[in-house]
Amino acid sequence: MSISVSVEDNKGIVEIAVIGSFDFSLFNDFRLAYTDFIDQYDHFVVNMENVEYLDSAALGMLLSMKAALSSEARIEIIKANDFIRNILMISRFDKRFEIS
């Protein structure tokens, strides 16, 4: 379980990659992954390609991220497997986030 952050300055994008289980144990790491960039960037990508498990705490962390960013900020959730995508859709996250 870990988080890596990469910044594409030329595109103005912050990508946060979550690896392993996306659960409460990543609360502080996930929050720190975007809070340092709130004032400089308005496009955030959460890469879930390597997420094997997601719980309600992770859903709450995504909602907290959305609340912390400006209303103009764009948040994309990308590369989720079918299981994770199903959880996001059942939770109606497609109404709050771009999911691809």
PDB file of N, CA and C in Angstrom:
ATOM      1  N   MET A   1       0.840  -1.175   0.000  1.00  0.00           N
ATOM      2  CA  MET A   1       0.000   0.000   0.000  1.00  0.00           C
ATOM      3  C   MET A   1       0.885   1.238   0.000  1.00  0.00           C
ATOM      4  N   SER A   2       0.767   1.980  -1.058  1.00  0.00           N
ATOM      5  CA  SER A   2       1.550   3.207  -1.116  1.00  0.00           C
ATOM      6  C   SER A   2       0.918   4.180  -2.097  1.00  0.00           C
ATOM      7  N   ILE A   3       1.488   5.365  -2.079  1.00  0.00           N
ATOM      8  CA  ILE A   3       1.023   6.427  -2.963  1.00  0.00           C
ATOM      9  C   ILE A   3       2.247   7.070  -3.584  1.00  0.00           C
ATOM     10  N   SER A   4       2.182   7.306  -4.881  1.00  0.00           N
ATOM     11  CA  SER A   4       3.243   8.074  -5.523  1.00  0.00           C
ATOM     12  C   SER A   4       2.602   9.258  -6.232  1.00  0.00           C
ATOM     13  N   VAL A   5       3.347  10.342  -6.278  1.00  0.00           N
ATOM     14  CA  VAL A   5       2.846  11.575  -6.883  1.00  0.00           C
ATOM     15  C   VAL A   5       3.808  11.995  -7.979  1.00  0.00           C
ATOM     16  N   SER A   6       3.254  12.324  -9.134  1.00  0.00           N
ATOM     17  CA  SER A   6       4.073  12.891 -10.201  1.00  0.00           C
ATOM     18  C   SER A   6       3.371  14.135 -10.725  1.00  0.00           C
ATOM     19  N   VAL A   7       4.174  15.097 -11.135  1.00  0.00           N
ATOM     20  CA  VAL A   7       3.643  16.370 -11.619  1.00  0.00           C
ATOM     21  C   VAL A   7       4.102  16.576 -13.052  1.00  0.00           C
ATOM     22  N   GLU A   8       3.156  16.881 -13.924  1.00  0.00           N
ATOM     23  CA  GLU A   8       3.467  17.234 -15.306  1.00  0.00           C
ATOM     24  C   GLU A   8       3.290  18.740 -15.427  1.00  0.00           C
ATOM     25  N   ASP A   9       4.370  19.474 -15.154  1.00  0.00           N
ATOM     26  CA  ASP A   9       4.299  20.941 -15.167  1.00  0.00           C
ATOM     27  C   ASP A   9       3.821  21.496 -16.497  1.00  0.00           C
ATOM     28  N   ASN A  10       4.286  20.911 -17.585  1.00  0.00           N
ATOM     29  CA  ASN A  10       3.916  21.444 -18.899  1.00  0.00           C
ATOM     30  C   ASN A  10       2.425  21.272 -19.197  1.00  0.00           C
ATOM     31  N   LYS A  11       1.769  20.332 -18.528  1.00  0.00           N
ATOM     32  CA  LYS A  11       0.336  20.116 -18.726  1.00  0.00           C
ATOM     33  C   LYS A  11      -0.488  20.602 -17.536  1.00  0.00           C
ATOM     34  N   GLY A  12       0.180  20.954 -16.449  1.00  0.00           N
ATOM     35  CA  GLY A  12      -0.532  21.420 -15.260  1.00  0.00           C
ATOM     36  C   GLY A  12      -1.305  20.331 -14.548  1.00  0.00           C
ATOM     37  N   ILE A  13      -0.767  19.110 -14.574  1.00  0.00           N
ATOM     38  CA  ILE A  13      -1.466  17.956 -14.006  1.00  0.00           C
ATOM     39  C   ILE A  13      -0.672  17.364 -12.853  1.00  0.00           C
ATOM     40  N   VAL A  14      -1.390  17.038 -11.775  1.00  0.00           N
ATOM     41  CA  VAL A  14      -0.822  16.277 -10.668  1.00  0.00           C
ATOM     42  C   VAL A  14      -1.447  14.888 -10.730  1.00  0.00           C
ATOM     43  N   GLU A  15      -0.614  13.854 -10.868  1.00  0.00           N
ATOM     44  CA  GLU A  15      -1.121  12.483 -10.883  1.00  0.00           C
ATOM     45  C   GLU A  15      -0.769  11.798  -9.576  1.00  0.00           C
ATOM     46  N   ILE A  16      -1.776  11.242  -8.943  1.00  0.00           N
ATOM     47  CA  ILE A  16      -1.611  10.503  -7.695  1.00  0.00           C
ATOM     48  C   ILE A  16      -1.907   9.044  -8.005  1.00  0.00           C
ATOM     49  N   ALA A  17      -0.895   8.194  -7.891  1.00  0.00           N
ATOM     50  CA  ALA A  17      -1.071   6.767  -8.153  1.00  0.00           C
ATOM     51  C   ALA A  17      -1.185   6.033  -6.823  1.00  0.00           C
ATOM     52  N   VAL A  18      -2.261   5.295  -6.670  1.00  0.00           N
ATOM     53  CA  VAL A  18      -2.479   4.495  -5.468  1.00  0.00           C
ATOM     54  C   VAL A  18      -2.133   3.057  -5.815  1.00  0.00           C
ATOM     55  N   ILE A  19      -1.375   2.407  -4.929  1.00  0.00           N
ATOM     56  CA  ILE A  19      -0.911   1.045  -5.182  1.00  0.00           C
ATOM     57  C   ILE A  19      -1.345   0.148  -4.034  1.00  0.00           C
ATOM     58  N   GLY A  20      -1.979  -0.974  -4.370  1.00  0.00           N
ATOM     59  CA  GLY A  20      -2.415  -1.932  -3.357  1.00  0.00           C
ATOM     60  C   GLY A  20      -3.808  -1.625  -2.862  1.00  0.00           C
ATOM     61  N   SER A  21      -3.985  -1.688  -1.551  1.00  0.00           N
ATOM     62  CA  SER A  21      -5.286  -1.419  -0.942  1.00  0.00           C
ATOM     63  C   SER A  21      -5.452   0.070  -0.691  1.00  0.00           C
ATOM     64  N   PHE A  22      -6.556   0.614  -1.155  1.00  0.00           N
ATOM     65  CA  PHE A  22      -6.884   2.023  -0.925  1.00  0.00           C
ATOM     66  C   PHE A  22      -7.875   2.030   0.235  1.00  0.00           C
ATOM     67  N   ASP A  23      -7.326   2.229   1.436  1.00  0.00           N
ATOM     68  CA  ASP A  23      -8.149   2.171   2.636  1.00  0.00           C
ATOM     69  C   ASP A  23      -7.658   3.201   3.649  1.00  0.00           C
ATOM     70  N   PHE A  24      -8.209   3.142   4.850  1.00  0.00           N
ATOM     71  CA  PHE A  24      -7.921   4.157   5.867  1.00  0.00           C
ATOM     72  C   PHE A  24      -6.434   4.284   6.189  1.00  0.00           C
ATOM     73  N   SER A  25      -5.670   3.226   5.998  1.00  0.00           N
ATOM     74  CA  SER A  25      -4.236   3.295   6.312  1.00  0.00           C
ATOM     75  C   SER A  25      -3.506   4.325   5.443  1.00  0.00           C
ATOM     76  N   LEU A  26      -4.104   4.729   4.330  1.00  0.00           N
ATOM     77  CA  LEU A  26      -3.482   5.714   3.436  1.00  0.00           C
ATOM     78  C   LEU A  26      -4.013   7.127   3.643  1.00  0.00           C
ATOM     79  N   PHE A  27      -4.808   7.332   4.679  1.00  0.00           N
ATOM     80  CA  PHE A  27      -5.459   8.627   4.887  1.00  0.00           C
ATOM     81  C   PHE A  27      -4.477   9.796   4.829  1.00  0.00           C
ATOM     82  N   ASN A  28      -3.457   9.784   5.669  1.00  0.00           N
ATOM     83  CA  ASN A  28      -2.502  10.908   5.715  1.00  0.00           C
ATOM     84  C   ASN A  28      -1.700  11.034   4.425  1.00  0.00           C
ATOM     85  N   ASP A  29      -1.233   9.910   3.897  1.00  0.00           N
ATOM     86  CA  ASP A  29      -0.444   9.947   2.660  1.00  0.00           C
ATOM     87  C   ASP A  29      -1.259  10.496   1.497  1.00  0.00           C
ATOM     88  N   PHE A  30      -2.518  10.086   1.405  1.00  0.00           N
ATOM     89  CA  PHE A  30      -3.354  10.570   0.306  1.00  0.00           C
ATOM     90  C   PHE A  30      -3.607  12.069   0.442  1.00  0.00           C
ATOM     91  N   ARG A  31      -3.913  12.517   1.634  1.00  0.00           N
ATOM     92  CA  ARG A  31      -4.169  13.945   1.853  1.00  0.00           C
ATOM     93  C   ARG A  31      -2.932  14.772   1.510  1.00  0.00           C
ATOM     94  N   LEU A  32      -1.773  14.325   1.958  1.00  0.00           N
ATOM     95  CA  LEU A  32      -0.533  15.048   1.662  1.00  0.00           C
ATOM     96  C   LEU A  32      -0.213  15.045   0.165  1.00  0.00           C
ATOM     97  N   ALA A  33      -0.677  14.032  -0.546  1.00  0.00           N
ATOM     98  CA  ALA A  33      -0.387  13.927  -1.980  1.00  0.00           C
ATOM     99  C   ALA A  33      -0.991  15.070  -2.782  1.00  0.00           C
ATOM    100  N   TYR A  34      -2.093  15.636  -2.316  1.00  0.00           N
ATOM    101  CA  TYR A  34      -2.695  16.742  -3.078  1.00  0.00           C
ATOM    102  C   TYR A  34      -2.632  18.092  -2.378  1.00  0.00           C
ATOM    103  N   THR A  35      -2.512  18.135  -1.057  1.00  0.00           N
ATOM    104  CA  THR A  35      -2.573  19.430  -0.368  1.00  0.00           C
ATOM    105  C   THR A  35      -1.412  20.348  -0.725  1.00  0.00           C
ATOM    106  N   ASP A  36      -0.263  19.798  -1.035  1.00  0.00           N
ATOM    107  CA  ASP A  36       0.881  20.641  -1.411  1.00  0.00           C
ATOM    108  C   ASP A  36       0.682  21.332  -2.759  1.00  0.00           C
ATOM    109  N   PHE A  37      -0.292  20.866  -3.538  1.00  0.00           N
ATOM    110  CA  PHE A  37      -0.470  21.373  -4.900  1.00  0.00           C
ATOM    111  C   PHE A  37      -1.762  22.160  -5.099  1.00  0.00           C
ATOM    112  N   ILE A  38      -2.550  22.315  -4.059  1.00  0.00           N
ATOM    113  CA  ILE A  38      -3.871  22.952  -4.185  1.00  0.00           C
ATOM    114  C   ILE A  38      -3.793  24.339  -4.804  1.00  0.00           C
ATOM    115  N   ASP A  39      -2.830  25.142  -4.400  1.00  0.00           N
ATOM    116  CA  ASP A  39      -2.757  26.526  -4.877  1.00  0.00           C
ATOM    117  C   ASP A  39      -2.153  26.668  -6.271  1.00  0.00           C
ATOM    118  N   GLN A  40      -1.434  25.643  -6.734  1.00  0.00           N
ATOM    119  CA  GLN A  40      -0.722  25.771  -8.010  1.00  0.00           C
ATOM    120  C   GLN A  40      -1.374  25.028  -9.171  1.00  0.00           C
ATOM    121  N   TYR A  41      -2.187  24.014  -8.875  1.00  0.00           N
ATOM    122  CA  TYR A  41      -2.737  23.166  -9.932  1.00  0.00           C
ATOM    123  C   TYR A  41      -4.245  23.035  -9.779  1.00  0.00           C
ATOM    124  N   ASP A  42      -4.914  22.814 -10.907  1.00  0.00           N
ATOM    125  CA  ASP A  42      -6.358  22.605 -10.844  1.00  0.00           C
ATOM    126  C   ASP A  42      -6.803  21.371 -11.631  1.00  0.00           C
ATOM    127  N   HIS A  43      -5.841  20.516 -11.972  1.00  0.00           N
ATOM    128  CA  HIS A  43      -6.153  19.260 -12.648  1.00  0.00           C
ATOM    129  C   HIS A  43      -5.434  18.134 -11.910  1.00  0.00           C
ATOM    130  N   PHE A  44      -6.218  17.254 -11.320  1.00  0.00           N
ATOM    131  CA  PHE A  44      -5.685  16.143 -10.545  1.00  0.00           C
ATOM    132  C   PHE A  44      -6.189  14.837 -11.145  1.00  0.00           C
ATOM    133  N   VAL A  45      -5.284  13.865 -11.235  1.00  0.00           N
ATOM    134  CA  VAL A  45      -5.624  12.548 -11.756  1.00  0.00           C
ATOM    135  C   VAL A  45      -5.308  11.531 -10.666  1.00  0.00           C
ATOM    136  N   VAL A  46      -6.293  10.710 -10.322  1.00  0.00           N
ATOM    137  CA  VAL A  46      -6.079   9.624  -9.367  1.00  0.00           C
ATOM    138  C   VAL A  46      -6.009   8.337 -10.188  1.00  0.00           C
ATOM    139  N   ASN A  47      -4.803   7.770 -10.263  1.00  0.00           N
ATOM    140  CA  ASN A  47      -4.562   6.571 -11.057  1.00  0.00           C
ATOM    141  C   ASN A  47      -4.786   5.345 -10.170  1.00  0.00           C
ATOM    142  N   MET A  48      -5.785   4.538 -10.530  1.00  0.00           N
ATOM    143  CA  MET A  48      -6.127   3.353  -9.740  1.00  0.00           C
ATOM    144  C   MET A  48      -5.764   2.056 -10.454  1.00  0.00           C
ATOM    145  N   GLU A  49      -4.834   2.145 -11.377  1.00  0.00           N
ATOM    146  CA  GLU A  49      -4.434   0.965 -12.147  1.00  0.00           C
ATOM    147  C   GLU A  49      -3.979  -0.182 -11.247  1.00  0.00           C
ATOM    148  N   ASN A  50      -3.302   0.134 -10.154  1.00  0.00           N
ATOM    149  CA  ASN A  50      -2.754  -0.900  -9.274  1.00  0.00           C
ATOM    150  C   ASN A  50      -3.495  -1.024  -7.951  1.00  0.00           C
ATOM    151  N   VAL A  51      -4.748  -0.568  -7.911  1.00  0.00           N
ATOM    152  CA  VAL A  51      -5.563  -0.708  -6.698  1.00  0.00           C
ATOM    153  C   VAL A  51      -6.258  -2.061  -6.740  1.00  0.00           C
ATOM    154  N   GLU A  52      -6.063  -2.840  -5.669  1.00  0.00           N
ATOM    155  CA  GLU A  52      -6.668  -4.166  -5.574  1.00  0.00           C
ATOM    156  C   GLU A  52      -7.923  -4.160  -4.709  1.00  0.00           C
ATOM    157  N   TYR A  53      -8.027  -3.169  -3.825  1.00  0.00           N
ATOM    158  CA  TYR A  53      -9.129  -3.121  -2.863  1.00  0.00           C
ATOM    159  C   TYR A  53      -9.424  -1.669  -2.543  1.00  0.00           C
ATOM    160  N   LEU A  54     -10.691  -1.358  -2.378  1.00  0.00           N
ATOM    161  CA  LEU A  54     -11.114  -0.002  -2.052  1.00  0.00           C
ATOM    162  C   LEU A  54     -12.249  -0.114  -1.040  1.00  0.00           C
ATOM    163  N   ASP A  55     -12.186   0.673   0.039  1.00  0.00           N
ATOM    164  CA  ASP A  55     -13.259   0.621   1.031  1.00  0.00           C
ATOM    165  C   ASP A  55     -13.926   1.982   1.180  1.00  0.00           C
ATOM    166  N   SER A  56     -14.867   2.072   2.113  1.00  0.00           N
ATOM    167  CA  SER A  56     -15.622   3.317   2.291  1.00  0.00           C
ATOM    168  C   SER A  56     -14.724   4.468   2.732  1.00  0.00           C
ATOM    169  N   ALA A  57     -13.651   4.174   3.441  1.00  0.00           N
ATOM    170  CA  ALA A  57     -12.716   5.237   3.841  1.00  0.00           C
ATOM    171  C   ALA A  57     -12.083   5.870   2.600  1.00  0.00           C
ATOM    172  N   ALA A  58     -11.766   5.064   1.607  1.00  0.00           N
ATOM    173  CA  ALA A  58     -11.194   5.594   0.362  1.00  0.00           C
ATOM    174  C   ALA A  58     -12.199   6.485  -0.354  1.00  0.00           C
ATOM    175  N   LEU A  59     -13.457   6.080  -0.356  1.00  0.00           N
ATOM    176  CA  LEU A  59     -14.490   6.922  -0.967  1.00  0.00           C
ATOM    177  C   LEU A  59     -14.571   8.254  -0.239  1.00  0.00           C
ATOM    178  N   GLY A  60     -14.488   8.204   1.082  1.00  0.00           N
ATOM    179  CA  GLY A  60     -14.489   9.436   1.873  1.00  0.00           C
ATOM    180  C   GLY A  60     -13.284  10.307   1.584  1.00  0.00           C
ATOM    181  N   MET A  61     -12.125   9.689   1.367  1.00  0.00           N
ATOM    182  CA  MET A  61     -10.922  10.461   1.056  1.00  0.00           C
ATOM    183  C   MET A  61     -11.061  11.174  -0.285  1.00  0.00           C
ATOM    184  N   LEU A  62     -11.675  10.514  -1.250  1.00  0.00           N
ATOM    185  CA  LEU A  62     -11.900  11.156  -2.550  1.00  0.00           C
ATOM    186  C   LEU A  62     -12.857  12.335  -2.411  1.00  0.00           C
ATOM    187  N   LEU A  63     -13.902  12.170  -1.613  1.00  0.00           N
ATOM    188  CA  LEU A  63     -14.842  13.273  -1.384  1.00  0.00           C
ATOM    189  C   LEU A  63     -14.169  14.423  -0.641  1.00  0.00           C
ATOM    190  N   SER A  64     -13.299  14.103   0.315  1.00  0.00           N
ATOM    191  CA  SER A  64     -12.560  15.145   1.040  1.00  0.00           C
ATOM    192  C   SER A  64     -11.632  15.902   0.101  1.00  0.00           C
ATOM    193  N   MET A  65     -11.027  15.190  -0.825  1.00  0.00           N
ATOM    194  CA  MET A  65     -10.166  15.834  -1.820  1.00  0.00           C
ATOM    195  C   MET A  65     -10.989  16.818  -2.649  1.00  0.00           C
ATOM    196  N   LYS A  66     -12.142  16.374  -3.105  1.00  0.00           N
ATOM    197  CA  LYS A  66     -13.006  17.246  -3.916  1.00  0.00           C
ATOM    198  C   LYS A  66     -13.400  18.487  -3.133  1.00  0.00           C
ATOM    199  N   ALA A  67     -13.714  18.330  -1.855  1.00  0.00           N
ATOM    200  CA  ALA A  67     -14.116  19.467  -1.020  1.00  0.00           C
ATOM    201  C   ALA A  67     -12.958  20.428  -0.781  1.00  0.00           C
ATOM    202  N   ALA A  68     -11.735  19.909  -0.709  1.00  0.00           N
ATOM    203  CA  ALA A  68     -10.567  20.744  -0.425  1.00  0.00           C
ATOM    204  C   ALA A  68     -10.128  21.568  -1.634  1.00  0.00           C
ATOM    205  N   LEU A  69     -10.404  21.066  -2.832  1.00  0.00           N
ATOM    206  CA  LEU A  69      -9.985  21.761  -4.046  1.00  0.00           C
ATOM    207  C   LEU A  69     -11.000  22.823  -4.432  1.00  0.00           C
ATOM    208  N   SER A  70     -10.569  23.732  -5.278  1.00  0.00           N
ATOM    209  CA  SER A  70     -11.486  24.782  -5.736  1.00  0.00           C
ATOM    210  C   SER A  70     -12.595  24.161  -6.582  1.00  0.00           C
ATOM    211  N   SER A  71     -13.683  24.877  -6.694  1.00  0.00           N
ATOM    212  CA  SER A  71     -14.818  24.352  -7.465  1.00  0.00           C
ATOM    213  C   SER A  71     -14.474  24.200  -8.949  1.00  0.00           C
ATOM    214  N   GLU A  72     -13.452  24.902  -9.407  1.00  0.00           N
ATOM    215  CA  GLU A  72     -13.030  24.795 -10.804  1.00  0.00           C
ATOM    216  C   GLU A  72     -12.057  23.641 -11.040  1.00  0.00           C
ATOM    217  N   ALA A  73     -11.580  23.028  -9.972  1.00  0.00           N
ATOM    218  CA  ALA A  73     -10.596  21.953 -10.113  1.00  0.00           C
ATOM    219  C   ALA A  73     -11.221  20.746 -10.804  1.00  0.00           C
ATOM    220  N   ARG A  74     -10.414  20.097 -11.600  1.00  0.00           N
ATOM    221  CA  ARG A  74     -10.841  18.903 -12.331  1.00  0.00           C
ATOM    222  C   ARG A  74     -10.179  17.695 -11.685  1.00  0.00           C
ATOM    223  N   ILE A  75     -10.984  16.684 -11.355  1.00  0.00           N
ATOM    224  CA  ILE A  75     -10.456  15.450 -10.771  1.00  0.00           C
ATOM    225  C   ILE A  75     -10.890  14.289 -11.654  1.00  0.00           C
ATOM    226  N   GLU A  76      -9.909  13.545 -12.137  1.00  0.00           N
ATOM    227  CA  GLU A  76     -10.171  12.354 -12.941  1.00  0.00           C
ATOM    228  C   GLU A  76      -9.748  11.120 -12.155  1.00  0.00           C
ATOM    229  N   ILE A  77     -10.545  10.088 -12.218  1.00  0.00           N
ATOM    230  CA  ILE A  77     -10.173   8.781 -11.683  1.00  0.00           C
ATOM    231  C   ILE A  77      -9.971   7.890 -12.898  1.00  0.00           C
ATOM    232  N   ILE A  78      -8.754   7.364 -13.034  1.00  0.00           N
ATOM    233  CA  ILE A  78      -8.430   6.613 -14.251  1.00  0.00           C
ATOM    234  C   ILE A  78      -7.966   5.192 -13.940  1.00  0.00           C
ATOM    235  N   LYS A  79      -8.125   4.335 -14.935  1.00  0.00           N
ATOM    236  CA  LYS A  79      -7.570   2.979 -14.968  1.00  0.00           C
ATOM    237  C   LYS A  79      -8.051   2.072 -13.839  1.00  0.00           C
ATOM    238  N   ALA A  80      -9.241   2.300 -13.323  1.00  0.00           N
ATOM    239  CA  ALA A  80      -9.784   1.411 -12.292  1.00  0.00           C
ATOM    240  C   ALA A  80     -10.197   0.089 -12.939  1.00  0.00           C
ATOM    241  N   ASN A  81      -9.932  -1.025 -12.246  1.00  0.00           N
ATOM    242  CA  ASN A  81     -10.383  -2.313 -12.774  1.00  0.00           C
ATOM    243  C   ASN A  81     -11.907  -2.406 -12.648  1.00  0.00           C
ATOM    244  N   ASP A  82     -12.489  -3.449 -13.192  1.00  0.00           N
ATOM    245  CA  ASP A  82     -13.949  -3.569 -13.216  1.00  0.00           C
ATOM    246  C   ASP A  82     -14.558  -3.583 -11.819  1.00  0.00           C
ATOM    247  N   PHE A  83     -13.910  -4.249 -10.873  1.00  0.00           N
ATOM    248  CA  PHE A  83     -14.420  -4.320  -9.504  1.00  0.00           C
ATOM    249  C   PHE A  83     -14.459  -2.931  -8.865  1.00  0.00           C
ATOM    250  N   ILE A  84     -13.367  -2.199  -8.978  1.00  0.00           N
ATOM    251  CA  ILE A  84     -13.278  -0.850  -8.401  1.00  0.00           C
ATOM    252  C   ILE A  84     -14.241   0.090  -9.125  1.00  0.00           C
ATOM    253  N   ARG A  85     -14.289   0.002 -10.436  1.00  0.00           N
ATOM    254  CA  ARG A  85     -15.196   0.842 -11.224  1.00  0.00           C
ATOM    255  C   ARG A  85     -16.652   0.600 -10.803  1.00  0.00           C
ATOM    256  N   ASN A  86     -17.013  -0.652 -10.555  1.00  0.00           N
ATOM    257  CA  ASN A  86     -18.367  -0.981 -10.123  1.00  0.00           C
ATOM    258  C   ASN A  86     -18.693  -0.319  -8.783  1.00  0.00           C
ATOM    259  N   ILE A  87     -17.751  -0.351  -7.848  1.00  0.00           N
ATOM    260  CA  ILE A  87     -17.954   0.313  -6.553  1.00  0.00           C
ATOM    261  C   ILE A  87     -18.165   1.811  -6.763  1.00  0.00           C
ATOM    262  N   LEU A  88     -17.352   2.415  -7.611  1.00  0.00           N
ATOM    263  CA  LEU A  88     -17.480   3.851  -7.882  1.00  0.00           C
ATOM    264  C   LEU A  88     -18.830   4.182  -8.514  1.00  0.00           C
ATOM    265  N   MET A  89     -19.281   3.349  -9.419  1.00  0.00           N
ATOM    266  CA  MET A  89     -20.561   3.603 -10.090  1.00  0.00           C
ATOM    267  C   MET A  89     -21.739   3.398  -9.138  1.00  0.00           C
ATOM    268  N   ILE A  90     -21.708   2.342  -8.346  1.00  0.00           N
ATOM    269  CA  ILE A  90     -22.777   2.102  -7.373  1.00  0.00           C
ATOM    270  C   ILE A  90     -22.857   3.262  -6.389  1.00  0.00           C
ATOM    271  N   SER A  91     -21.704   3.817  -6.044  1.00  0.00           N
ATOM    272  CA  SER A  91     -21.642   4.952  -5.108  1.00  0.00           C
ATOM    273  C   SER A  91     -21.929   6.282  -5.798  1.00  0.00           C
ATOM    274  N   ARG A  92     -22.217   6.230  -7.093  1.00  0.00           N
ATOM    275  CA  ARG A  92     -22.566   7.401  -7.908  1.00  0.00           C
ATOM    276  C   ARG A  92     -21.430   8.428  -7.999  1.00  0.00           C
ATOM    277  N   PHE A  93     -20.208   7.932  -7.932  1.00  0.00           N
ATOM    278  CA  PHE A  93     -19.066   8.827  -8.052  1.00  0.00           C
ATOM    279  C   PHE A  93     -18.918   9.364  -9.471  1.00  0.00           C
ATOM    280  N   ASP A  94     -19.558   8.717 -10.428  1.00  0.00           N
ATOM    281  CA  ASP A  94     -19.522   9.227 -11.796  1.00  0.00           C
ATOM    282  C   ASP A  94     -20.251  10.561 -11.912  1.00  0.00           C
ATOM    283  N   LYS A  95     -21.055  10.911 -10.922  1.00  0.00           N
ATOM    284  CA  LYS A  95     -21.748  12.206 -10.904  1.00  0.00           C
ATOM    285  C   LYS A  95     -20.860  13.315 -10.331  1.00  0.00           C
ATOM    286  N   ARG A  96     -19.810  12.936  -9.610  1.00  0.00           N
ATOM    287  CA  ARG A  96     -18.941  13.910  -8.944  1.00  0.00           C
ATOM    288  C   ARG A  96     -17.537  13.990  -9.535  1.00  0.00           C
ATOM    289  N   PHE A  97     -17.118  12.912 -10.202  1.00  0.00           N
ATOM    290  CA  PHE A  97     -15.761  12.817 -10.738  1.00  0.00           C
ATOM    291  C   PHE A  97     -15.821  12.353 -12.186  1.00  0.00           C
ATOM    292  N   GLU A  98     -14.762  12.654 -12.916  1.00  0.00           N
ATOM    293  CA  GLU A  98     -14.599  12.075 -14.250  1.00  0.00           C
ATOM    294  C   GLU A  98     -13.970  10.704 -14.056  1.00  0.00           C
ATOM    295  N   ILE A  99     -14.606   9.667 -14.562  1.00  0.00           N
ATOM    296  CA  ILE A  99     -14.076   8.312 -14.422  1.00  0.00           C
ATOM    297  C   ILE A  99     -13.814   7.764 -15.815  1.00  0.00           C
ATOM    298  N   SER A 100     -12.552   7.365 -16.036  1.00  0.00           N
ATOM    299  CA  SER A 100     -12.210   6.805 -17.352  1.00  0.00           C
ATOM    300  C   SER A 100     -11.265   5.632 -17.197  1.00  0.00           C
TER     301      SER A 100
END
